[in-house]
Structures are given as structure tokens and as C-alpha cells.
Amino acid sequence: MDDKTSIITGWIRENCAGDAPDTQIDVNTPLLESGLLDSIQIVNLVDFLESKFGVKVEDEDLVAENFESVQSVLGLIEQGQGAS
């Protein structure tokens, strides 16, 4: 697991896993489908991504497809870093 993946999965585990902080999360874990992320947690995650990785997530990027898995979140970060 690379550094960005570890950082994102760690944040999700700490902030979204609730009573199950030992929840296994990998790049393909279905974050929305499993209930790990909801709309409020997505806003918090975006705030974290913007401050941690120095990216700007545009309003049009706030769609479910960008938060389906850690892999899709990584793609969002890469897209944001390319626009910087």
C-alpha cells in the first residue's frame, strides 16, 4: 500500500468506521455501498484531501463515482494535483 493509500484508508478508518476502527479497507473497498462514507463524511473527507494533499476539489467533482472506493478517491487527488 503506498503512502497516499495508507493516509486515506487511515483517515476513513479513524473518522468513518465508528465502532469498528479495525475495519479492513483496501483500494477496492466499496466506501458508499458499505456505508463507510455518507454525504457529511464526504464533505469532511474532501476538506481533509484539500488540506493534506494541496488539491482543490471542484463542485462538479462531488459525484458518487469519485467516492466509490479508495481507488476512485486516489484518482480524484491525481486529477486535482494535475490541475494545480
PDB file of N, CA and C in Angstrom:
ATOM      1  N   MET A   1       0.858  -1.172   0.000  1.00  0.00           N
ATOM      2  CA  MET A   1       0.000   0.000   0.000  1.00  0.00           C
ATOM      3  C   MET A   1       0.904   1.236   0.000  1.00  0.00           C
ATOM      4  N   ASP A   2       0.681   2.149  -0.945  1.00  0.00           N
ATOM      5  CA  ASP A   2       1.531   3.332  -0.994  1.00  0.00           C
ATOM      6  C   ASP A   2       1.093   4.350   0.058  1.00  0.00           C
ATOM      7  N   ASP A   3       1.881   5.424   0.164  1.00  0.00           N
ATOM      8  CA  ASP A   3       1.675   6.412   1.213  1.00  0.00           C
ATOM      9  C   ASP A   3       0.298   7.077   1.139  1.00  0.00           C
ATOM     10  N   LYS A   4      -0.118   7.525  -0.041  1.00  0.00           N
ATOM     11  CA  LYS A   4      -1.428   8.177  -0.173  1.00  0.00           C
ATOM     12  C   LYS A   4      -2.554   7.220   0.198  1.00  0.00           C
ATOM     13  N   THR A   5      -2.434   5.986  -0.259  1.00  0.00           N
ATOM     14  CA  THR A   5      -3.455   4.988   0.058  1.00  0.00           C
ATOM     15  C   THR A   5      -3.540   4.774   1.562  1.00  0.00           C
ATOM     16  N   SER A   6      -2.389   4.659   2.217  1.00  0.00           N
ATOM     17  CA  SER A   6      -2.365   4.467   3.676  1.00  0.00           C
ATOM     18  C   SER A   6      -2.977   5.648   4.405  1.00  0.00           C
ATOM     19  N   ILE A   7      -2.669   6.849   3.943  1.00  0.00           N
ATOM     20  CA  ILE A   7      -3.207   8.052   4.576  1.00  0.00           C
ATOM     21  C   ILE A   7      -4.727   8.092   4.445  1.00  0.00           C
ATOM     22  N   ILE A   8      -5.226   7.820   3.251  1.00  0.00           N
ATOM     23  CA  ILE A   8      -6.678   7.857   3.020  1.00  0.00           C
ATOM     24  C   ILE A   8      -7.391   6.752   3.788  1.00  0.00           C
ATOM     25  N   THR A   9      -6.879   5.532   3.718  1.00  0.00           N
ATOM     26  CA  THR A   9      -7.538   4.439   4.448  1.00  0.00           C
ATOM     27  C   THR A   9      -7.478   4.686   5.951  1.00  0.00           C
ATOM     28  N   GLY A  10      -6.387   5.250   6.438  1.00  0.00           N
ATOM     29  CA  GLY A  10      -6.275   5.573   7.862  1.00  0.00           C
ATOM     30  C   GLY A  10      -7.312   6.606   8.286  1.00  0.00           C
ATOM     31  N   TRP A  11      -7.476   7.644   7.444  1.00  0.00           N
ATOM     32  CA  TRP A  11      -8.467   8.679   7.758  1.00  0.00           C
ATOM     33  C   TRP A  11      -9.874   8.080   7.777  1.00  0.00           C
ATOM     34  N   ILE A  12     -10.186   7.272   6.791  1.00  0.00           N
ATOM     35  CA  ILE A  12     -11.520   6.653   6.731  1.00  0.00           C
ATOM     36  C   ILE A  12     -11.737   5.752   7.934  1.00  0.00           C
ATOM     37  N   ARG A  13     -10.738   4.967   8.275  1.00  0.00           N
ATOM     38  CA  ARG A  13     -10.860   4.069   9.422  1.00  0.00           C
ATOM     39  C   ARG A  13     -11.103   4.878  10.697  1.00  0.00           C
ATOM     40  N   GLU A  14     -10.344   5.952  10.899  1.00  0.00           N
ATOM     41  CA  GLU A  14     -10.468   6.767  12.110  1.00  0.00           C
ATOM     42  C   GLU A  14     -11.762   7.566  12.166  1.00  0.00           C
ATOM     43  N   ASN A  15     -12.207   8.070  11.031  1.00  0.00           N
ATOM     44  CA  ASN A  15     -13.320   9.011  11.015  1.00  0.00           C
ATOM     45  C   ASN A  15     -14.658   8.442  10.572  1.00  0.00           C
ATOM     46  N   CYS A  16     -14.649   7.275   9.957  1.00  0.00           N
ATOM     47  CA  CYS A  16     -15.889   6.756   9.378  1.00  0.00           C
ATOM     48  C   CYS A  16     -16.263   5.350   9.841  1.00  0.00           C
ATOM     49  N   ALA A  17     -15.343   4.644  10.440  1.00  0.00           N
ATOM     50  CA  ALA A  17     -15.610   3.251  10.789  1.00  0.00           C
ATOM     51  C   ALA A  17     -16.381   3.104  12.096  1.00  0.00           C
ATOM     52  N   GLY A  18     -16.579   4.194  12.818  1.00  0.00           N
ATOM     53  CA  GLY A  18     -17.387   4.152  14.032  1.00  0.00           C
ATOM     54  C   GLY A  18     -16.882   3.173  15.061  1.00  0.00           C
ATOM     55  N   ASP A  19     -17.711   2.207  15.383  1.00  0.00           N
ATOM     56  CA  ASP A  19     -17.383   1.233  16.412  1.00  0.00           C
ATOM     57  C   ASP A  19     -16.451   0.135  15.925  1.00  0.00           C
ATOM     58  N   ALA A  20     -16.033   0.199  14.684  1.00  0.00           N
ATOM     59  CA  ALA A  20     -15.173  -0.854  14.117  1.00  0.00           C
ATOM     60  C   ALA A  20     -13.892  -0.259  13.527  1.00  0.00           C
ATOM     61  N   PRO A  21     -13.046   0.386  14.378  1.00  0.00           N
ATOM     62  CA  PRO A  21     -11.843   1.029  13.862  1.00  0.00           C
ATOM     63  C   PRO A  21     -10.828   0.058  13.255  1.00  0.00           C
ATOM     64  N   ASP A  22     -11.024  -1.242  13.466  1.00  0.00           N
ATOM     65  CA  ASP A  22     -10.127  -2.241  12.888  1.00  0.00           C
ATOM     66  C   ASP A  22     -10.626  -2.730  11.531  1.00  0.00           C
ATOM     67  N   THR A  23     -11.651  -2.075  10.986  1.00  0.00           N
ATOM     68  CA  THR A  23     -12.217  -2.442   9.701  1.00  0.00           C
ATOM     69  C   THR A  23     -11.126  -2.483   8.638  1.00  0.00           C
ATOM     70  N   GLN A  24     -11.077  -3.544   7.881  1.00  0.00           N
ATOM     71  CA  GLN A  24     -10.115  -3.664   6.797  1.00  0.00           C
ATOM     72  C   GLN A  24     -10.601  -2.851   5.604  1.00  0.00           C
ATOM     73  N   ILE A  25      -9.758  -1.943   5.138  1.00  0.00           N
ATOM     74  CA  ILE A  25     -10.091  -1.109   3.990  1.00  0.00           C
ATOM     75  C   ILE A  25      -8.935  -1.189   3.014  1.00  0.00           C
ATOM     76  N   ASP A  26      -9.241  -1.513   1.767  1.00  0.00           N
ATOM     77  CA  ASP A  26      -8.208  -1.508   0.728  1.00  0.00           C
ATOM     78  C   ASP A  26      -8.689  -0.634  -0.428  1.00  0.00           C
ATOM     79  N   VAL A  27      -7.929  -0.588  -1.497  1.00  0.00           N
ATOM     80  CA  VAL A  27      -8.251   0.321  -2.603  1.00  0.00           C
ATOM     81  C   VAL A  27      -9.588   0.009  -3.265  1.00  0.00           C
ATOM     82  N   ASN A  28     -10.084  -1.212  -3.122  1.00  0.00           N
ATOM     83  CA  ASN A  28     -11.329  -1.607  -3.781  1.00  0.00           C
ATOM     84  C   ASN A  28     -12.527  -1.714  -2.843  1.00  0.00           C
ATOM     85  N   THR A  29     -12.350  -1.401  -1.569  1.00  0.00           N
ATOM     86  CA  THR A  29     -13.464  -1.458  -0.626  1.00  0.00           C
ATOM     87  C   THR A  29     -14.560  -0.500  -1.077  1.00  0.00           C
ATOM     88  N   PRO A  30     -15.795  -0.966  -1.195  1.00  0.00           N
ATOM     89  CA  PRO A  30     -16.901  -0.088  -1.626  1.00  0.00           C
ATOM     90  C   PRO A  30     -17.311   0.857  -0.494  1.00  0.00           C
ATOM     91  N   LEU A  31     -16.811   2.076  -0.532  1.00  0.00           N
ATOM     92  CA  LEU A  31     -16.993   3.021   0.569  1.00  0.00           C
ATOM     93  C   LEU A  31     -18.436   3.477   0.741  1.00  0.00           C
ATOM     94  N   LEU A  32     -19.123   3.739  -0.343  1.00  0.00           N
ATOM     95  CA  LEU A  32     -20.514   4.186  -0.255  1.00  0.00           C
ATOM     96  C   LEU A  32     -21.456   3.015   0.004  1.00  0.00           C
ATOM     97  N   GLU A  33     -21.279   1.979  -0.772  1.00  0.00           N
ATOM     98  CA  GLU A  33     -22.140   0.799  -0.674  1.00  0.00           C
ATOM     99  C   GLU A  33     -22.073   0.157   0.711  1.00  0.00           C
ATOM    100  N   SER A  34     -20.872   0.172   1.326  1.00  0.00           N
ATOM    101  CA  SER A  34     -20.696  -0.437   2.640  1.00  0.00           C
ATOM    102  C   SER A  34     -21.149   0.476   3.775  1.00  0.00           C
ATOM    103  N   GLY A  35     -21.451   1.737   3.451  1.00  0.00           N
ATOM    104  CA  GLY A  35     -21.877   2.675   4.474  1.00  0.00           C
ATOM    105  C   GLY A  35     -20.735   3.367   5.200  1.00  0.00           C
ATOM    106  N   LEU A  36     -19.510   3.144   4.760  1.00  0.00           N
ATOM    107  CA  LEU A  36     -18.379   3.818   5.392  1.00  0.00           C
ATOM    108  C   LEU A  36     -18.413   5.328   5.163  1.00  0.00           C
ATOM    109  N   LEU A  37     -18.868   5.746   3.990  1.00  0.00           N
ATOM    110  CA  LEU A  37     -18.988   7.177   3.689  1.00  0.00           C
ATOM    111  C   LEU A  37     -20.446   7.540   3.458  1.00  0.00           C
ATOM    112  N   ASP A  38     -20.844   8.666   4.040  1.00  0.00           N
ATOM    113  CA  ASP A  38     -22.134   9.262   3.708  1.00  0.00           C
ATOM    114  C   ASP A  38     -21.859  10.694   3.269  1.00  0.00           C
ATOM    115  N   SER A  39     -22.877  11.467   2.998  1.00  0.00           N
ATOM    116  CA  SER A  39     -22.678  12.807   2.428  1.00  0.00           C
ATOM    117  C   SER A  39     -21.877  13.724   3.347  1.00  0.00           C
ATOM    118  N   ILE A  40     -22.118  13.673   4.637  1.00  0.00           N
ATOM    119  CA  ILE A  40     -21.365  14.506   5.583  1.00  0.00           C
ATOM    120  C   ILE A  40     -19.903  14.073   5.634  1.00  0.00           C
ATOM    121  N   GLN A  41     -19.674  12.771   5.655  1.00  0.00           N
ATOM    122  CA  GLN A  41     -18.301  12.276   5.697  1.00  0.00           C
ATOM    123  C   GLN A  41     -17.553  12.593   4.402  1.00  0.00           C
ATOM    124  N   ILE A  42     -18.262  12.645   3.282  1.00  0.00           N
ATOM    125  CA  ILE A  42     -17.624  13.029   2.019  1.00  0.00           C
ATOM    126  C   ILE A  42     -17.131  14.470   2.106  1.00  0.00           C
ATOM    127  N   VAL A  43     -17.954  15.356   2.661  1.00  0.00           N
ATOM    128  CA  VAL A  43     -17.538  16.752   2.829  1.00  0.00           C
ATOM    129  C   VAL A  43     -16.303  16.830   3.719  1.00  0.00           C
ATOM    130  N   ASN A  44     -16.295  16.088   4.805  1.00  0.00           N
ATOM    131  CA  ASN A  44     -15.139  16.067   5.703  1.00  0.00           C
ATOM    132  C   ASN A  44     -13.910  15.475   5.015  1.00  0.00           C
ATOM    133  N   LEU A  45     -14.112  14.428   4.235  1.00  0.00           N
ATOM    134  CA  LEU A  45     -13.009  13.817   3.500  1.00  0.00           C
ATOM    135  C   LEU A  45     -12.430  14.794   2.487  1.00  0.00           C
ATOM    136  N   VAL A  46     -13.282  15.505   1.773  1.00  0.00           N
ATOM    137  CA  VAL A  46     -12.816  16.488   0.788  1.00  0.00           C
ATOM    138  C   VAL A  46     -11.983  17.564   1.480  1.00  0.00           C
ATOM    139  N   ASP A  47     -12.450  18.039   2.620  1.00  0.00           N
ATOM    140  CA  ASP A  47     -11.695  19.039   3.382  1.00  0.00           C
ATOM    141  C   ASP A  47     -10.315  18.488   3.755  1.00  0.00           C
ATOM    142  N   PHE A  48     -10.279  17.242   4.208  1.00  0.00           N
ATOM    143  CA  PHE A  48      -9.021  16.589   4.551  1.00  0.00           C
ATOM    144  C   PHE A  48      -8.110  16.464   3.325  1.00  0.00           C
ATOM    145  N   LEU A  49      -8.655  16.012   2.209  1.00  0.00           N
ATOM    146  CA  LEU A  49      -7.852  15.836   0.990  1.00  0.00           C
ATOM    147  C   LEU A  49      -7.270  17.162   0.518  1.00  0.00           C
ATOM    148  N   GLU A  50      -8.077  18.205   0.569  1.00  0.00           N
ATOM    149  CA  GLU A  50      -7.606  19.519   0.120  1.00  0.00           C
ATOM    150  C   GLU A  50      -6.469  20.022   1.003  1.00  0.00           C
ATOM    151  N   SER A  51      -6.586  19.837   2.306  1.00  0.00           N
ATOM    152  CA  SER A  51      -5.531  20.329   3.199  1.00  0.00           C
ATOM    153  C   SER A  51      -4.302  19.412   3.195  1.00  0.00           C
ATOM    154  N   LYS A  52      -4.507  18.122   3.145  1.00  0.00           N
ATOM    155  CA  LYS A  52      -3.382  17.173   3.212  1.00  0.00           C
ATOM    156  C   LYS A  52      -2.593  17.116   1.914  1.00  0.00           C
ATOM    157  N   PHE A  53      -3.285  17.118   0.779  1.00  0.00           N
ATOM    158  CA  PHE A  53      -2.620  16.912  -0.498  1.00  0.00           C
ATOM    159  C   PHE A  53      -2.539  18.174  -1.354  1.00  0.00           C
ATOM    160  N   GLY A  54      -3.059  19.286  -0.851  1.00  0.00           N
ATOM    161  CA  GLY A  54      -2.976  20.547  -1.572  1.00  0.00           C
ATOM    162  C   GLY A  54      -3.720  20.561  -2.893  1.00  0.00           C
ATOM    163  N   VAL A  55      -4.843  19.861  -2.926  1.00  0.00           N
ATOM    164  CA  VAL A  55      -5.652  19.823  -4.137  1.00  0.00           C
ATOM    165  C   VAL A  55      -6.916  20.645  -3.920  1.00  0.00           C
ATOM    166  N   LYS A  56      -7.550  21.023  -5.002  1.00  0.00           N
ATOM    167  CA  LYS A  56      -8.846  21.694  -4.949  1.00  0.00           C
ATOM    168  C   LYS A  56      -9.858  20.772  -5.615  1.00  0.00           C
ATOM    169  N   VAL A  57     -10.833  20.341  -4.836  1.00  0.00           N
ATOM    170  CA  VAL A  57     -11.897  19.501  -5.378  1.00  0.00           C
ATOM    171  C   VAL A  57     -13.035  20.425  -5.795  1.00  0.00           C
ATOM    172  N   GLU A  58     -13.310  20.443  -7.077  1.00  0.00           N
ATOM    173  CA  GLU A  58     -14.344  21.318  -7.621  1.00  0.00           C
ATOM    174  C   GLU A  58     -15.735  20.737  -7.345  1.00  0.00           C
ATOM    175  N   ASP A  59     -16.727  21.614  -7.334  1.00  0.00           N
ATOM    176  CA  ASP A  59     -18.103  21.178  -7.081  1.00  0.00           C
ATOM    177  C   ASP A  59     -18.540  20.077  -8.037  1.00  0.00           C
ATOM    178  N   GLU A  60     -18.150  20.191  -9.310  1.00  0.00           N
ATOM    179  CA  GLU A  60     -18.567  19.183 -10.295  1.00  0.00           C
ATOM    180  C   GLU A  60     -17.919  17.811 -10.056  1.00  0.00           C
ATOM    181  N   ASP A  61     -16.883  17.783  -9.190  1.00  0.00           N
ATOM    182  CA  ASP A  61     -16.239  16.513  -8.855  1.00  0.00           C
ATOM    183  C   ASP A  61     -16.891  15.818  -7.666  1.00  0.00           C
ATOM    184  N   LEU A  62     -17.863  16.476  -7.051  1.00  0.00           N
ATOM    185  CA  LEU A  62     -18.546  15.899  -5.898  1.00  0.00           C
ATOM    186  C   LEU A  62     -19.681  14.986  -6.355  1.00  0.00           C
ATOM    187  N   VAL A  63     -19.285  13.906  -7.018  1.00  0.00           N
ATOM    188  CA  VAL A  63     -20.227  12.901  -7.508  1.00  0.00           C
ATOM    189  C   VAL A  63     -19.854  11.543  -6.910  1.00  0.00           C
ATOM    190  N   ALA A  64     -20.835  10.692  -6.797  1.00  0.00           N
ATOM    191  CA  ALA A  64     -20.636   9.392  -6.151  1.00  0.00           C
ATOM    192  C   ALA A  64     -19.476   8.599  -6.749  1.00  0.00           C
ATOM    193  N   GLU A  65     -19.313   8.662  -8.065  1.00  0.00           N
ATOM    194  CA  GLU A  65     -18.261   7.876  -8.725  1.00  0.00           C
ATOM    195  C   GLU A  65     -16.876   8.181  -8.172  1.00  0.00           C
ATOM    196  N   ASN A  66     -16.651   9.408  -7.699  1.00  0.00           N
ATOM    197  CA  ASN A  66     -15.335   9.780  -7.174  1.00  0.00           C
ATOM    198  C   ASN A  66     -15.095   9.321  -5.746  1.00  0.00           C
ATOM    199  N   PHE A  67     -16.119   8.723  -5.117  1.00  0.00           N
ATOM    200  CA  PHE A  67     -16.005   8.295  -3.730  1.00  0.00           C
ATOM    201  C   PHE A  67     -16.432   6.844  -3.528  1.00  0.00           C
ATOM    202  N   GLU A  68     -16.525   6.096  -4.621  1.00  0.00           N
ATOM    203  CA  GLU A  68     -16.951   4.697  -4.529  1.00  0.00           C
ATOM    204  C   GLU A  68     -15.935   3.814  -3.829  1.00  0.00           C
ATOM    205  N   SER A  69     -14.649   4.142  -3.974  1.00  0.00           N
ATOM    206  CA  SER A  69     -13.581   3.336  -3.382  1.00  0.00           C
ATOM    207  C   SER A  69     -12.381   4.231  -3.126  1.00  0.00           C
ATOM    208  N   VAL A  70     -11.410   3.722  -2.404  1.00  0.00           N
ATOM    209  CA  VAL A  70     -10.165   4.464  -2.198  1.00  0.00           C
ATOM    210  C   VAL A  70      -9.492   4.707  -3.541  1.00  0.00           C
ATOM    211  N   GLN A  71      -9.587   3.748  -4.452  1.00  0.00           N
ATOM    212  CA  GLN A  71      -9.003   3.912  -5.788  1.00  0.00           C
ATOM    213  C   GLN A  71      -9.602   5.116  -6.503  1.00  0.00           C
ATOM    214  N   SER A  72     -10.908   5.294  -6.418  1.00  0.00           N
ATOM    215  CA  SER A  72     -11.533   6.441  -7.075  1.00  0.00           C
ATOM    216  C   SER A  72     -11.161   7.753  -6.382  1.00  0.00           C
ATOM    217  N   VAL A  73     -10.982   7.723  -5.060  1.00  0.00           N
ATOM    218  CA  VAL A  73     -10.526   8.910  -4.332  1.00  0.00           C
ATOM    219  C   VAL A  73      -9.098   9.267  -4.754  1.00  0.00           C
ATOM    220  N   LEU A  74      -8.255   8.262  -4.933  1.00  0.00           N
ATOM    221  CA  LEU A  74      -6.890   8.497  -5.412  1.00  0.00           C
ATOM    222  C   LEU A  74      -6.907   9.153  -6.792  1.00  0.00           C
ATOM    223  N   GLY A  75      -7.815   8.717  -7.662  1.00  0.00           N
ATOM    224  CA  GLY A  75      -7.957   9.329  -8.981  1.00  0.00           C
ATOM    225  C   GLY A  75      -8.372  10.785  -8.870  1.00  0.00           C
ATOM    226  N   LEU A  76      -9.232  11.085  -7.914  1.00  0.00           N
ATOM    227  CA  LEU A  76      -9.668  12.458  -7.689  1.00  0.00           C
ATOM    228  C   LEU A  76      -8.485  13.329  -7.262  1.00  0.00           C
ATOM    229  N   ILE A  77      -7.649  12.789  -6.385  1.00  0.00           N
ATOM    230  CA  ILE A  77      -6.458  13.526  -5.943  1.00  0.00           C
ATOM    231  C   ILE A  77      -5.517  13.780  -7.110  1.00  0.00           C
ATOM    232  N   GLU A  78      -5.269  12.747  -7.902  1.00  0.00           N
ATOM    233  CA  GLU A  78      -4.379  12.901  -9.061  1.00  0.00           C
ATOM    234  C   GLU A  78      -4.922  13.945 -10.031  1.00  0.00           C
ATOM    235  N   GLN A  79      -6.219  13.935 -10.246  1.00  0.00           N
ATOM    236  CA  GLN A  79      -6.860  14.918 -11.120  1.00  0.00           C
ATOM    237  C   GLN A  79      -6.668  16.321 -10.542  1.00  0.00           C
ATOM    238  N   GLY A  80      -6.851  16.468  -9.238  1.00  0.00           N
ATOM    239  CA  GLY A  80      -6.690  17.768  -8.584  1.00  0.00           C
ATOM    240  C   GLY A  80      -5.259  18.260  -8.592  1.00  0.00           C
ATOM    241  N   GLN A  81      -4.313  17.328  -8.460  1.00  0.00           N
ATOM    242  CA  GLN A  81      -2.906  17.720  -8.491  1.00  0.00           C
ATOM    243  C   GLN A  81      -2.472  18.107  -9.893  1.00  0.00           C
ATOM    244  N   GLY A  82      -3.061  17.497 -10.888  1.00  0.00           N
ATOM    245  CA  GLY A  82      -2.751  17.843 -12.272  1.00  0.00           C
ATOM    246  C   GLY A  82      -3.263  19.212 -12.646  1.00  0.00           C
ATOM    247  N   ALA A  83      -4.339  19.646 -11.984  1.00  0.00           N
ATOM    248  CA  ALA A  83      -4.930  20.947 -12.278  1.00  0.00           C
ATOM    249  C   ALA A  83      -4.227  22.081 -11.548  1.00  0.00           C
ATOM    250  N   SER A  84      -3.397  21.732 -10.546  1.00  0.00           N
ATOM    251  CA  SER A  84      -2.720  22.754  -9.757  1.00  0.00           C
ATOM    252  C   SER A  84      -1.631  23.447 -10.529  1.00  0.00           C
TER     253      SER A  84
END
